Amino acid sequence: MKKILFITLLFIYVSAFAQQTQEKNAVNQKTILKVTSSPNPFTDYTQIYFYNKKDQKVLLIVKNLLGKTVYTYRFNSKKGNNSIPFYRDGLVSGIYIYSIQTDEEIISKRLVIR
């Protein structure tokens, strides 16, 4: 009798834990993958590439190292491979941080302008 009760309680505990793990994984799934820029470092122009798992609105934000936003671009990305052209347009040489932002996530990377 004790063994049956123990096995039943163990089964209930394991089932509850498995459901919680699946819920957490569903919430934390990334939709933006493989974010890169090429060429990097660049002098006049670079292309920012990323893979998107679904159609959604995306915001590209470029900031200097002091955190000041120097460029923003909002567009509708498609499912699959996407690219965004980025031109220097008067920015001084240095390191910048670019972010790809959706409603669910933000991915940041580094840009170097020569």
PDB file of N, CA and C in Angstrom:
ATOM      1  N   MET A   1       0.821  -1.196   0.000  1.00  0.00           N
ATOM      2  CA  MET A   1       0.000   0.000   0.000  1.00  0.00           C
ATOM      3  C   MET A   1       0.864   1.259   0.000  1.00  0.00           C
ATOM      4  N   LYS A   2       1.934   1.268   0.814  1.00  0.00           N
ATOM      5  CA  LYS A   2       2.819   2.424   0.879  1.00  0.00           C
ATOM      6  C   LYS A   2       3.535   2.634  -0.456  1.00  0.00           C
ATOM      7  N   LYS A   3       3.907   1.528  -1.104  1.00  0.00           N
ATOM      8  CA  LYS A   3       4.592   1.634  -2.384  1.00  0.00           C
ATOM      9  C   LYS A   3       3.685   2.260  -3.438  1.00  0.00           C
ATOM     10  N   ILE A   4       2.434   1.863  -3.460  1.00  0.00           N
ATOM     11  CA  ILE A   4       1.482   2.402  -4.433  1.00  0.00           C
ATOM     12  C   ILE A   4       1.269   3.890  -4.184  1.00  0.00           C
ATOM     13  N   LEU A   5       1.120   4.277  -2.934  1.00  0.00           N
ATOM     14  CA  LEU A   5       0.956   5.689  -2.584  1.00  0.00           C
ATOM     15  C   LEU A   5       2.204   6.482  -2.977  1.00  0.00           C
ATOM     16  N   PHE A   6       3.379   5.963  -2.700  1.00  0.00           N
ATOM     17  CA  PHE A   6       4.630   6.631  -3.046  1.00  0.00           C
ATOM     18  C   PHE A   6       4.768   6.802  -4.563  1.00  0.00           C
ATOM     19  N   ILE A   7       4.475   5.755  -5.309  1.00  0.00           N
ATOM     20  CA  ILE A   7       4.569   5.814  -6.763  1.00  0.00           C
ATOM     21  C   ILE A   7       3.561   6.811  -7.326  1.00  0.00           C
ATOM     22  N   THR A   8       2.360   6.850  -6.789  1.00  0.00           N
ATOM     23  CA  THR A   8       1.338   7.795  -7.238  1.00  0.00           C
ATOM     24  C   THR A   8       1.777   9.233  -6.993  1.00  0.00           C
ATOM     25  N   LEU A   9       2.284   9.516  -5.793  1.00  0.00           N
ATOM     26  CA  LEU A   9       2.744  10.869  -5.473  1.00  0.00           C
ATOM     27  C   LEU A   9       3.943  11.262  -6.344  1.00  0.00           C
ATOM     28  N   LEU A  10       4.840  10.334  -6.565  1.00  0.00           N
ATOM     29  CA  LEU A  10       5.996  10.589  -7.414  1.00  0.00           C
ATOM     30  C   LEU A  10       5.549  10.903  -8.847  1.00  0.00           C
ATOM     31  N   PHE A  11       4.601  10.162  -9.360  1.00  0.00           N
ATOM     32  CA  PHE A  11       4.075  10.397 -10.702  1.00  0.00           C
ATOM     33  C   PHE A  11       3.427  11.776 -10.812  1.00  0.00           C
ATOM     34  N   ILE A  12       2.641  12.173  -9.809  1.00  0.00           N
ATOM     35  CA  ILE A  12       1.992  13.488  -9.810  1.00  0.00           C
ATOM     36  C   ILE A  12       3.040  14.596  -9.786  1.00  0.00           C
ATOM     37  N   TYR A  13       4.067  14.437  -8.969  1.00  0.00           N
ATOM     38  CA  TYR A  13       5.126  15.444  -8.866  1.00  0.00           C
ATOM     39  C   TYR A  13       5.874  15.583 -10.194  1.00  0.00           C
ATOM     40  N   VAL A  14       6.232  14.469 -10.803  1.00  0.00           N
ATOM     41  CA  VAL A  14       6.969  14.491 -12.063  1.00  0.00           C
ATOM     42  C   VAL A  14       6.113  15.111 -13.166  1.00  0.00           C
ATOM     43  N   SER A  15       4.835  14.799 -13.207  1.00  0.00           N
ATOM     44  CA  SER A  15       3.940  15.357 -14.215  1.00  0.00           C
ATOM     45  C   SER A  15       3.816  16.867 -14.074  1.00  0.00           C
ATOM     46  N   ALA A  16       3.690  17.359 -12.863  1.00  0.00           N
ATOM     47  CA  ALA A  16       3.583  18.799 -12.624  1.00  0.00           C
ATOM     48  C   ALA A  16       4.872  19.505 -13.023  1.00  0.00           C
ATOM     49  N   PHE A  17       6.015  18.921 -12.706  1.00  0.00           N
ATOM     50  CA  PHE A  17       7.300  19.508 -13.060  1.00  0.00           C
ATOM     51  C   PHE A  17       7.469  19.566 -14.575  1.00  0.00           C
ATOM     52  N   ALA A  18       7.076  18.527 -15.283  1.00  0.00           N
ATOM     53  CA  ALA A  18       7.201  18.483 -16.739  1.00  0.00           C
ATOM     54  C   ALA A  18       6.329  19.553 -17.383  1.00  0.00           C
ATOM     55  N   GLN A  19       5.129  19.786 -16.870  1.00  0.00           N
ATOM     56  CA  GLN A  19       4.253  20.816 -17.421  1.00  0.00           C
ATOM     57  C   GLN A  19       4.844  22.197 -17.207  1.00  0.00           C
ATOM     58  N   GLN A  20       5.430  22.470 -16.042  1.00  0.00           N
ATOM     59  CA  GLN A  20       6.046  23.768 -15.782  1.00  0.00           C
ATOM     60  C   GLN A  20       7.225  24.005 -16.711  1.00  0.00           C
ATOM     61  N   THR A  21       8.024  22.999 -16.963  1.00  0.00           N
ATOM     62  CA  THR A  21       9.176  23.134 -17.846  1.00  0.00           C
ATOM     63  C   THR A  21       8.726  23.448 -19.268  1.00  0.00           C
ATOM     64  N   GLN A  22       7.672  22.800 -19.754  1.00  0.00           N
ATOM     65  CA  GLN A  22       7.168  23.065 -21.095  1.00  0.00           C
ATOM     66  C   GLN A  22       6.633  24.490 -21.198  1.00  0.00           C
ATOM     67  N   GLU A  23       5.952  24.988 -20.166  1.00  0.00           N
ATOM     68  CA  GLU A  23       5.428  26.347 -20.188  1.00  0.00           C
ATOM     69  C   GLU A  23       6.562  27.358 -20.240  1.00  0.00           C
ATOM     70  N   LYS A  24       7.612  27.156 -19.447  1.00  0.00           N
ATOM     71  CA  LYS A  24       8.742  28.078 -19.449  1.00  0.00           C
ATOM     72  C   LYS A  24       9.429  28.082 -20.800  1.00  0.00           C
ATOM     73  N   ASN A  25       9.603  26.928 -21.426  1.00  0.00           N
ATOM     74  CA  ASN A  25      10.246  26.861 -22.732  1.00  0.00           C
ATOM     75  C   ASN A  25       9.407  27.543 -23.802  1.00  0.00           C
ATOM     76  N   ALA A  26       8.088  27.445 -23.718  1.00  0.00           N
ATOM     77  CA  ALA A  26       7.223  28.093 -24.697  1.00  0.00           C
ATOM     78  C   ALA A  26       7.331  29.606 -24.600  1.00  0.00           C
ATOM     79  N   VAL A  27       7.473  30.141 -23.404  1.00  0.00           N
ATOM     80  CA  VAL A  27       7.569  31.577 -23.207  1.00  0.00           C
ATOM     81  C   VAL A  27       8.932  32.099 -23.666  1.00  0.00           C
ATOM     82  N   ASN A  28      10.005  31.344 -23.464  1.00  0.00           N
ATOM     83  CA  ASN A  28      11.354  31.817 -23.726  1.00  0.00           C
ATOM     84  C   ASN A  28      11.882  31.470 -25.114  1.00  0.00           C
ATOM     85  N   GLN A  29      11.048  31.059 -26.036  1.00  0.00           N
ATOM     86  CA  GLN A  29      11.522  30.730 -27.369  1.00  0.00           C
ATOM     87  C   GLN A  29      11.868  32.010 -28.124  1.00  0.00           C
ATOM     88  N   LYS A  30      13.035  32.024 -28.732  1.00  0.00           N
ATOM     89  CA  LYS A  30      13.480  33.188 -29.483  1.00  0.00           C
ATOM     90  C   LYS A  30      12.910  33.140 -30.893  1.00  0.00           C
ATOM     91  N   THR A  31      12.568  34.325 -31.402  1.00  0.00           N
ATOM     92  CA  THR A  31      12.064  34.403 -32.766  1.00  0.00           C
ATOM     93  C   THR A  31      13.111  34.985 -33.710  1.00  0.00           C
ATOM     94  N   ILE A  32      14.092  35.722 -33.192  1.00  0.00           N
ATOM     95  CA  ILE A  32      15.162  36.309 -33.994  1.00  0.00           C
ATOM     96  C   ILE A  32      16.445  35.523 -33.740  1.00  0.00           C
ATOM     97  N   LEU A  33      17.075  35.041 -34.817  1.00  0.00           N
ATOM     98  CA  LEU A  33      18.284  34.240 -34.703  1.00  0.00           C
ATOM     99  C   LEU A  33      19.338  34.728 -35.686  1.00  0.00           C
ATOM    100  N   LYS A  34      20.580  34.320 -35.471  1.00  0.00           N
ATOM    101  CA  LYS A  34      21.690  34.542 -36.401  1.00  0.00           C
ATOM    102  C   LYS A  34      21.872  36.006 -36.768  1.00  0.00           C
ATOM    103  N   VAL A  35      21.929  36.889 -35.790  1.00  0.00           N
ATOM    104  CA  VAL A  35      22.106  38.314 -36.046  1.00  0.00           C
ATOM    105  C   VAL A  35      23.588  38.588 -36.304  1.00  0.00           C
ATOM    106  N   THR A  36      23.902  39.143 -37.474  1.00  0.00           N
ATOM    107  CA  THR A  36      25.272  39.496 -37.837  1.00  0.00           C
ATOM    108  C   THR A  36      25.266  40.749 -38.700  1.00  0.00           C
ATOM    109  N   SER A  37      26.432  41.367 -38.818  1.00  0.00           N
ATOM    110  CA  SER A  37      26.590  42.473 -39.761  1.00  0.00           C
ATOM    111  C   SER A  37      27.841  42.210 -40.582  1.00  0.00           C
ATOM    112  N   SER A  38      27.763  42.566 -41.858  1.00  0.00           N
ATOM    113  CA  SER A  38      28.901  42.317 -42.732  1.00  0.00           C
ATOM    114  C   SER A  38      28.960  43.408 -43.787  1.00  0.00           C
ATOM    115  N   PRO A  39      30.082  44.035 -44.006  1.00  0.00           N
ATOM    116  CA  PRO A  39      31.340  43.868 -43.280  1.00  0.00           C
ATOM    117  C   PRO A  39      31.287  44.574 -41.932  1.00  0.00           C
ATOM    118  N   ASN A  40      32.087  44.117 -41.027  1.00  0.00           N
ATOM    119  CA  ASN A  40      32.200  44.740 -39.712  1.00  0.00           C
ATOM    120  C   ASN A  40      33.609  44.463 -39.202  1.00  0.00           C
ATOM    121  N   PRO A  41      34.463  45.443 -39.092  1.00  0.00           N
ATOM    122  CA  PRO A  41      34.279  46.895 -39.212  1.00  0.00           C
ATOM    123  C   PRO A  41      34.050  47.329 -40.668  1.00  0.00           C
ATOM    124  N   PHE A  42      33.455  48.525 -40.815  1.00  0.00           N
ATOM    125  CA  PHE A  42      33.157  49.057 -42.137  1.00  0.00           C
ATOM    126  C   PHE A  42      33.496  50.538 -42.179  1.00  0.00           C
ATOM    127  N   THR A  43      33.534  51.087 -43.409  1.00  0.00           N
ATOM    128  CA  THR A  43      33.829  52.510 -43.554  1.00  0.00           C
ATOM    129  C   THR A  43      32.603  53.321 -43.955  1.00  0.00           C
ATOM    130  N   ASP A  44      31.824  52.847 -44.919  1.00  0.00           N
ATOM    131  CA  ASP A  44      30.673  53.614 -45.399  1.00  0.00           C
ATOM    132  C   ASP A  44      29.342  52.897 -45.246  1.00  0.00           C
ATOM    133  N   TYR A  45      29.368  51.570 -45.335  1.00  0.00           N
ATOM    134  CA  TYR A  45      28.122  50.827 -45.457  1.00  0.00           C
ATOM    135  C   TYR A  45      28.297  49.422 -44.907  1.00  0.00           C
ATOM    136  N   THR A  46      27.272  48.911 -44.225  1.00  0.00           N
ATOM    137  CA  THR A  46      27.247  47.523 -43.791  1.00  0.00           C
ATOM    138  C   THR A  46      25.828  46.991 -43.959  1.00  0.00           C
ATOM    139  N   GLN A  47      25.696  45.708 -43.944  1.00  0.00           N
ATOM    140  CA  GLN A  47      24.397  45.046 -44.063  1.00  0.00           C
ATOM    141  C   GLN A  47      24.187  44.247 -42.773  1.00  0.00           C
ATOM    142  N   ILE A  48      23.034  44.407 -42.131  1.00  0.00           N
ATOM    143  CA  ILE A  48      22.705  43.677 -40.917  1.00  0.00           C
ATOM    144  C   ILE A  48      21.756  42.546 -41.311  1.00  0.00           C
ATOM    145  N   TYR A  49      22.145  41.317 -40.998  1.00  0.00           N
ATOM    146  CA  TYR A  49      21.377  40.126 -41.367  1.00  0.00           C
ATOM    147  C   TYR A  49      20.812  39.459 -40.117  1.00  0.00           C
ATOM    148  N   PHE A  50      19.633  38.870 -40.252  1.00  0.00           N
ATOM    149  CA  PHE A  50      19.064  38.058 -39.181  1.00  0.00           C
ATOM    150  C   PHE A  50      18.024  37.109 -39.754  1.00  0.00           C
ATOM    151  N   TYR A  51      17.754  36.065 -39.011  1.00  0.00           N
ATOM    152  CA  TYR A  51      16.727  35.090 -39.374  1.00  0.00           C
ATOM    153  C   TYR A  51      15.543  35.282 -38.442  1.00  0.00           C
ATOM    154  N   ASN A  52      14.361  35.350 -38.996  1.00  0.00           N
ATOM    155  CA  ASN A  52      13.149  35.574 -38.230  1.00  0.00           C
ATOM    156  C   ASN A  52      12.243  34.356 -38.364  1.00  0.00           C
ATOM    157  N   LYS A  53      11.733  33.860 -37.242  1.00  0.00           N
ATOM    158  CA  LYS A  53      10.862  32.684 -37.276  1.00  0.00           C
ATOM    159  C   LYS A  53       9.424  33.001 -37.673  1.00  0.00           C
ATOM    160  N   LYS A  54       9.062  34.300 -37.689  1.00  0.00           N
ATOM    161  CA  LYS A  54       7.699  34.661 -38.061  1.00  0.00           C
ATOM    162  C   LYS A  54       7.663  36.086 -38.592  1.00  0.00           C
ATOM    163  N   ASP A  55       6.586  36.437 -39.285  1.00  0.00           N
ATOM    164  CA  ASP A  55       6.391  37.810 -39.733  1.00  0.00           C
ATOM    165  C   ASP A  55       6.084  38.673 -38.515  1.00  0.00           C
ATOM    166  N   GLN A  56       6.818  39.781 -38.370  1.00  0.00           N
ATOM    167  CA  GLN A  56       6.574  40.666 -37.232  1.00  0.00           C
ATOM    168  C   GLN A  56       7.233  42.013 -37.457  1.00  0.00           C
ATOM    169  N   LYS A  57       6.814  42.993 -36.666  1.00  0.00           N
ATOM    170  CA  LYS A  57       7.414  44.316 -36.720  1.00  0.00           C
ATOM    171  C   LYS A  57       8.747  44.289 -35.982  1.00  0.00           C
ATOM    172  N   VAL A  58       9.756  44.926 -36.583  1.00  0.00           N
ATOM    173  CA  VAL A  58      11.099  44.944 -36.024  1.00  0.00           C
ATOM    174  C   VAL A  58      11.586  46.385 -35.984  1.00  0.00           C
ATOM    175  N   LEU A  59      12.319  46.713 -34.930  1.00  0.00           N
ATOM    176  CA  LEU A  59      12.904  48.037 -34.774  1.00  0.00           C
ATOM    177  C   LEU A  59      14.416  47.887 -34.677  1.00  0.00           C
ATOM    178  N   LEU A  60      15.139  48.576 -35.565  1.00  0.00           N
ATOM    179  CA  LEU A  60      16.596  48.619 -35.502  1.00  0.00           C
ATOM    180  C   LEU A  60      16.979  49.922 -34.821  1.00  0.00           C
ATOM    181  N   ILE A  61      17.767  49.824 -33.750  1.00  0.00           N
ATOM    182  CA  ILE A  61      18.237  50.998 -33.016  1.00  0.00           C
ATOM    183  C   ILE A  61      19.753  50.929 -32.959  1.00  0.00           C
ATOM    184  N   VAL A  62      20.416  52.021 -33.312  1.00  0.00           N
ATOM    185  CA  VAL A  62      21.872  52.115 -33.208  1.00  0.00           C
ATOM    186  C   VAL A  62      22.181  53.196 -32.185  1.00  0.00           C
ATOM    187  N   LYS A  63      23.035  52.847 -31.217  1.00  0.00           N
ATOM    188  CA  LYS A  63      23.417  53.792 -30.153  1.00  0.00           C
ATOM    189  C   LYS A  63      24.928  53.906 -30.090  1.00  0.00           C
ATOM    190  N   ASN A  64      25.395  55.093 -29.664  1.00  0.00           N
ATOM    191  CA  ASN A  64      26.826  55.236 -29.424  1.00  0.00           C
ATOM    192  C   ASN A  64      27.149  54.660 -28.046  1.00  0.00           C
ATOM    193  N   LEU A  65      28.423  54.674 -27.664  1.00  0.00           N
ATOM    194  CA  LEU A  65      28.811  54.054 -26.393  1.00  0.00           C
ATOM    195  C   LEU A  65      28.317  54.817 -25.173  1.00  0.00           C
ATOM    196  N   LEU A  66      27.872  56.058 -25.365  1.00  0.00           N
ATOM    197  CA  LEU A  66      27.284  56.820 -24.262  1.00  0.00           C
ATOM    198  C   LEU A  66      25.801  56.518 -24.088  1.00  0.00           C
ATOM    199  N   GLY A  67      25.245  55.715 -25.000  1.00  0.00           N
ATOM    200  CA  GLY A  67      23.839  55.325 -24.907  1.00  0.00           C
ATOM    201  C   GLY A  67      22.892  56.219 -25.677  1.00  0.00           C
ATOM    202  N   LYS A  68      23.421  57.198 -26.399  1.00  0.00           N
ATOM    203  CA  LYS A  68      22.580  58.098 -27.180  1.00  0.00           C
ATOM    204  C   LYS A  68      22.170  57.420 -28.483  1.00  0.00           C
ATOM    205  N   THR A  69      20.881  57.430 -28.789  1.00  0.00           N
ATOM    206  CA  THR A  69      20.376  56.837 -30.025  1.00  0.00           C
ATOM    207  C   THR A  69      20.761  57.727 -31.202  1.00  0.00           C
ATOM    208  N   VAL A  70      21.467  57.134 -32.179  1.00  0.00           N
ATOM    209  CA  VAL A  70      21.912  57.887 -33.346  1.00  0.00           C
ATOM    210  C   VAL A  70      21.165  57.480 -34.620  1.00  0.00           C
ATOM    211  N   TYR A  71      20.412  56.368 -34.566  1.00  0.00           N
ATOM    212  CA  TYR A  71      19.686  55.906 -35.746  1.00  0.00           C
ATOM    213  C   TYR A  71      18.568  54.967 -35.319  1.00  0.00           C
ATOM    214  N   THR A  72      17.397  55.110 -35.916  1.00  0.00           N
ATOM    215  CA  THR A  72      16.302  54.160 -35.707  1.00  0.00           C
ATOM    216  C   THR A  72      15.648  53.859 -37.052  1.00  0.00           C
ATOM    217  N   TYR A  73      15.192  52.632 -37.196  1.00  0.00           N
ATOM    218  CA  TYR A  73      14.525  52.204 -38.416  1.00  0.00           C
ATOM    219  C   TYR A  73      13.510  51.122 -38.052  1.00  0.00           C
ATOM    220  N   ARG A  74      12.251  51.373 -38.384  1.00  0.00           N
ATOM    221  CA  ARG A  74      11.171  50.427 -38.079  1.00  0.00           C
ATOM    222  C   ARG A  74      10.658  49.832 -39.394  1.00  0.00           C
ATOM    223  N   PHE A  75      10.474  48.509 -39.414  1.00  0.00           N
ATOM    224  CA  PHE A  75       9.966  47.867 -40.619  1.00  0.00           C
ATOM    225  C   PHE A  75       9.288  46.547 -40.271  1.00  0.00           C
ATOM    226  N   ASN A  76       8.562  46.018 -41.229  1.00  0.00           N
ATOM    227  CA  ASN A  76       7.909  44.718 -41.087  1.00  0.00           C
ATOM    228  C   ASN A  76       8.830  43.664 -41.683  1.00  0.00           C
ATOM    229  N   SER A  77       9.304  42.752 -40.852  1.00  0.00           N
ATOM    230  CA  SER A  77      10.185  41.695 -41.350  1.00  0.00           C
ATOM    231  C   SER A  77       9.348  40.484 -41.737  1.00  0.00           C
ATOM    232  N   LYS A  78       9.902  39.700 -42.626  1.00  0.00           N
ATOM    233  CA  LYS A  78       9.215  38.502 -43.092  1.00  0.00           C
ATOM    234  C   LYS A  78       9.808  37.276 -42.415  1.00  0.00           C
ATOM    235  N   LYS A  79       9.087  36.200 -42.467  1.00  0.00           N
ATOM    236  CA  LYS A  79       9.603  34.936 -41.952  1.00  0.00           C
ATOM    237  C   LYS A  79      10.755  34.493 -42.838  1.00  0.00           C
ATOM    238  N   GLY A  80      11.871  34.100 -42.202  1.00  0.00           N
ATOM    239  CA  GLY A  80      13.039  33.669 -42.958  1.00  0.00           C
ATOM    240  C   GLY A  80      14.174  34.663 -42.819  1.00  0.00           C
ATOM    241  N   ASN A  81      15.044  34.695 -43.823  1.00  0.00           N
ATOM    242  CA  ASN A  81      16.214  35.574 -43.801  1.00  0.00           C
ATOM    243  C   ASN A  81      15.824  37.008 -44.133  1.00  0.00           C
ATOM    244  N   ASN A  82      16.368  37.954 -43.375  1.00  0.00           N
ATOM    245  CA  ASN A  82      16.118  39.370 -43.572  1.00  0.00           C
ATOM    246  C   ASN A  82      17.442  40.106 -43.555  1.00  0.00           C
ATOM    247  N   SER A  83      17.474  41.276 -44.189  1.00  0.00           N
ATOM    248  CA  SER A  83      18.665  42.115 -44.127  1.00  0.00           C
ATOM    249  C   SER A  83      18.247  43.581 -44.107  1.00  0.00           C
ATOM    250  N   ILE A  84      19.060  44.379 -43.427  1.00  0.00           N
ATOM    251  CA  ILE A  84      18.813  45.809 -43.305  1.00  0.00           C
ATOM    252  C   ILE A  84      20.092  46.524 -43.713  1.00  0.00           C
ATOM    253  N   PRO A  85      20.043  47.410 -44.709  1.00  0.00           N
ATOM    254  CA  PRO A  85      21.235  48.190 -45.036  1.00  0.00           C
ATOM    255  C   PRO A  85      21.442  49.293 -43.988  1.00  0.00           C
ATOM    256  N   PHE A  86      22.699  49.538 -43.628  1.00  0.00           N
ATOM    257  CA  PHE A  86      23.009  50.612 -42.686  1.00  0.00           C
ATOM    258  C   PHE A  86      24.165  51.423 -43.252  1.00  0.00           C
ATOM    259  N   TYR A  87      23.919  52.725 -43.463  1.00  0.00           N
ATOM    260  CA  TYR A  87      24.924  53.636 -43.994  1.00  0.00           C
ATOM    261  C   TYR A  87      25.467  54.511 -42.872  1.00  0.00           C
ATOM    262  N   ARG A  88      26.737  54.825 -42.968  1.00  0.00           N
ATOM    263  CA  ARG A  88      27.424  55.635 -41.957  1.00  0.00           C
ATOM    264  C   ARG A  88      26.762  57.004 -41.780  1.00  0.00           C
ATOM    265  N   ASP A  89      26.457  57.690 -42.882  1.00  0.00           N
ATOM    266  CA  ASP A  89      25.747  58.974 -42.883  1.00  0.00           C
ATOM    267  C   ASP A  89      26.234  59.963 -41.824  1.00  0.00           C
ATOM    268  N   GLY A  90      27.508  60.279 -41.825  1.00  0.00           N
ATOM    269  CA  GLY A  90      28.031  61.315 -40.952  1.00  0.00           C
ATOM    270  C   GLY A  90      28.428  60.862 -39.561  1.00  0.00           C
ATOM    271  N   LEU A  91      28.248  59.616 -39.223  1.00  0.00           N
ATOM    272  CA  LEU A  91      28.678  59.144 -37.904  1.00  0.00           C
ATOM    273  C   LEU A  91      30.201  59.087 -37.856  1.00  0.00           C
ATOM    274  N   VAL A  92      30.774  59.478 -36.725  1.00  0.00           N
ATOM    275  CA  VAL A  92      32.224  59.462 -36.580  1.00  0.00           C
ATOM    276  C   VAL A  92      32.712  58.034 -36.367  1.00  0.00           C
ATOM    277  N   SER A  93      33.992  57.813 -36.624  1.00  0.00           N
ATOM    278  CA  SER A  93      34.588  56.493 -36.408  1.00  0.00           C
ATOM    279  C   SER A  93      34.462  56.108 -34.943  1.00  0.00           C
ATOM    280  N   GLY A  94      34.239  54.829 -34.708  1.00  0.00           N
ATOM    281  CA  GLY A  94      34.123  54.351 -33.340  1.00  0.00           C
ATOM    282  C   GLY A  94      33.284  53.098 -33.239  1.00  0.00           C
ATOM    283  N   ILE A  95      32.938  52.767 -32.002  1.00  0.00           N
ATOM    284  CA  ILE A  95      32.146  51.573 -31.713  1.00  0.00           C
ATOM    285  C   ILE A  95      30.716  51.987 -31.415  1.00  0.00           C
ATOM    286  N   TYR A  96      29.779  51.258 -31.999  1.00  0.00           N
ATOM    287  CA  TYR A  96      28.354  51.501 -31.798  1.00  0.00           C
ATOM    288  C   TYR A  96      27.689  50.175 -31.439  1.00  0.00           C
ATOM    289  N   ILE A  97      26.552  50.265 -30.768  1.00  0.00           N
ATOM    290  CA  ILE A  97      25.761  49.088 -30.417  1.00  0.00           C
ATOM    291  C   ILE A  97      24.463  49.149 -31.215  1.00  0.00           C
ATOM    292  N   TYR A  98      24.181  48.080 -31.969  1.00  0.00           N
ATOM    293  CA  TYR A  98      22.904  48.023 -32.676  1.00  0.00           C
ATOM    294  C   TYR A  98      22.031  46.951 -32.046  1.00  0.00           C
ATOM    295  N   SER A  99      20.742  47.223 -32.012  1.00  0.00           N
ATOM    296  CA  SER A  99      19.777  46.306 -31.411  1.00  0.00           C
ATOM    297  C   SER A  99      18.654  46.026 -32.390  1.00  0.00           C
ATOM    298  N   ILE A 100      18.291  44.760 -32.480  1.00  0.00           N
ATOM    299  CA  ILE A 100      17.106  44.330 -33.213  1.00  0.00           C
ATOM    300  C   ILE A 100      16.055  44.063 -32.145  1.00  0.00           C
ATOM    301  N   GLN A 101      14.944  44.791 -32.204  1.00  0.00           N
ATOM    302  CA  GLN A 101      13.939  44.712 -31.144  1.00  0.00           C
ATOM    303  C   GLN A 101      12.584  44.329 -31.723  1.00  0.00           C
ATOM    304  N   THR A 102      11.931  43.352 -31.065  1.00  0.00           N
ATOM    305  CA  THR A 102      10.564  42.974 -31.387  1.00  0.00           C
ATOM    306  C   THR A 102       9.719  43.197 -30.139  1.00  0.00           C
ATOM    307  N   ASP A 103       8.453  42.817 -30.204  1.00  0.00           N
ATOM    308  CA  ASP A 103       7.594  42.933 -29.017  1.00  0.00           C
ATOM    309  C   ASP A 103       8.043  41.999 -27.904  1.00  0.00           C
ATOM    310  N   GLU A 104       8.755  40.919 -28.247  1.00  0.00           N
ATOM    311  CA  GLU A 104       9.097  39.894 -27.269  1.00  0.00           C
ATOM    312  C   GLU A 104      10.562  39.859 -26.863  1.00  0.00           C
ATOM    313  N   GLU A 105      11.459  40.450 -27.659  1.00  0.00           N
ATOM    314  CA  GLU A 105      12.883  40.300 -27.364  1.00  0.00           C
ATOM    315  C   GLU A 105      13.711  41.436 -27.954  1.00  0.00           C
ATOM    316  N   ILE A 106      14.927  41.553 -27.424  1.00  0.00           N
ATOM    317  CA  ILE A 106      15.902  42.513 -27.922  1.00  0.00           C
ATOM    318  C   ILE A 106      17.232  41.776 -28.043  1.00  0.00           C
ATOM    319  N   ILE A 107      17.868  41.907 -29.205  1.00  0.00           N
ATOM    320  CA  ILE A 107      19.182  41.311 -29.417  1.00  0.00           C
ATOM    321  C   ILE A 107      20.121  42.435 -29.819  1.00  0.00           C
ATOM    322  N   SER A 108      21.241  42.564 -29.096  1.00  0.00           N
ATOM    323  CA  SER A 108      22.199  43.639 -29.346  1.00  0.00           C
ATOM    324  C   SER A 108      23.547  43.085 -29.777  1.00  0.00           C
ATOM    325  N   LYS A 109      24.182  43.792 -30.670  1.00  0.00           N
ATOM    326  CA  LYS A 109      25.509  43.437 -31.179  1.00  0.00           C
ATOM    327  C   LYS A 109      26.328  44.713 -31.353  1.00  0.00           C
ATOM    328  N   ARG A 110      27.590  44.547 -31.739  1.00  0.00           N
ATOM    329  CA  ARG A 110      28.519  45.665 -31.852  1.00  0.00           C
ATOM    330  C   ARG A 110      28.814  45.953 -33.316  1.00  0.00           C
ATOM    331  N   LEU A 111      28.920  47.251 -33.643  1.00  0.00           N
ATOM    332  CA  LEU A 111      29.344  47.724 -34.955  1.00  0.00           C
ATOM    333  C   LEU A 111      30.598  48.562 -34.775  1.00  0.00           C
ATOM    334  N   VAL A 112      31.546  48.448 -35.688  1.00  0.00           N
ATOM    335  CA  VAL A 112      32.741  49.285 -35.649  1.00  0.00           C
ATOM    336  C   VAL A 112      32.836  50.052 -36.957  1.00  0.00           C
ATOM    337  N   ILE A 113      32.891  51.383 -36.856  1.00  0.00           N
ATOM    338  CA  ILE A 113      33.067  52.235 -38.018  1.00  0.00           C
ATOM    339  C   ILE A 113      34.519  52.704 -38.033  1.00  0.00           C
ATOM    340  N   ARG A 114      35.199  52.486 -39.168  1.00  0.00           N
ATOM    341  CA  ARG A 114      36.598  52.926 -39.296  1.00  0.00           C
ATOM    342  C   ARG A 114      36.662  54.361 -39.725  1.00  0.00           C
TER     343      ARG A 114
END
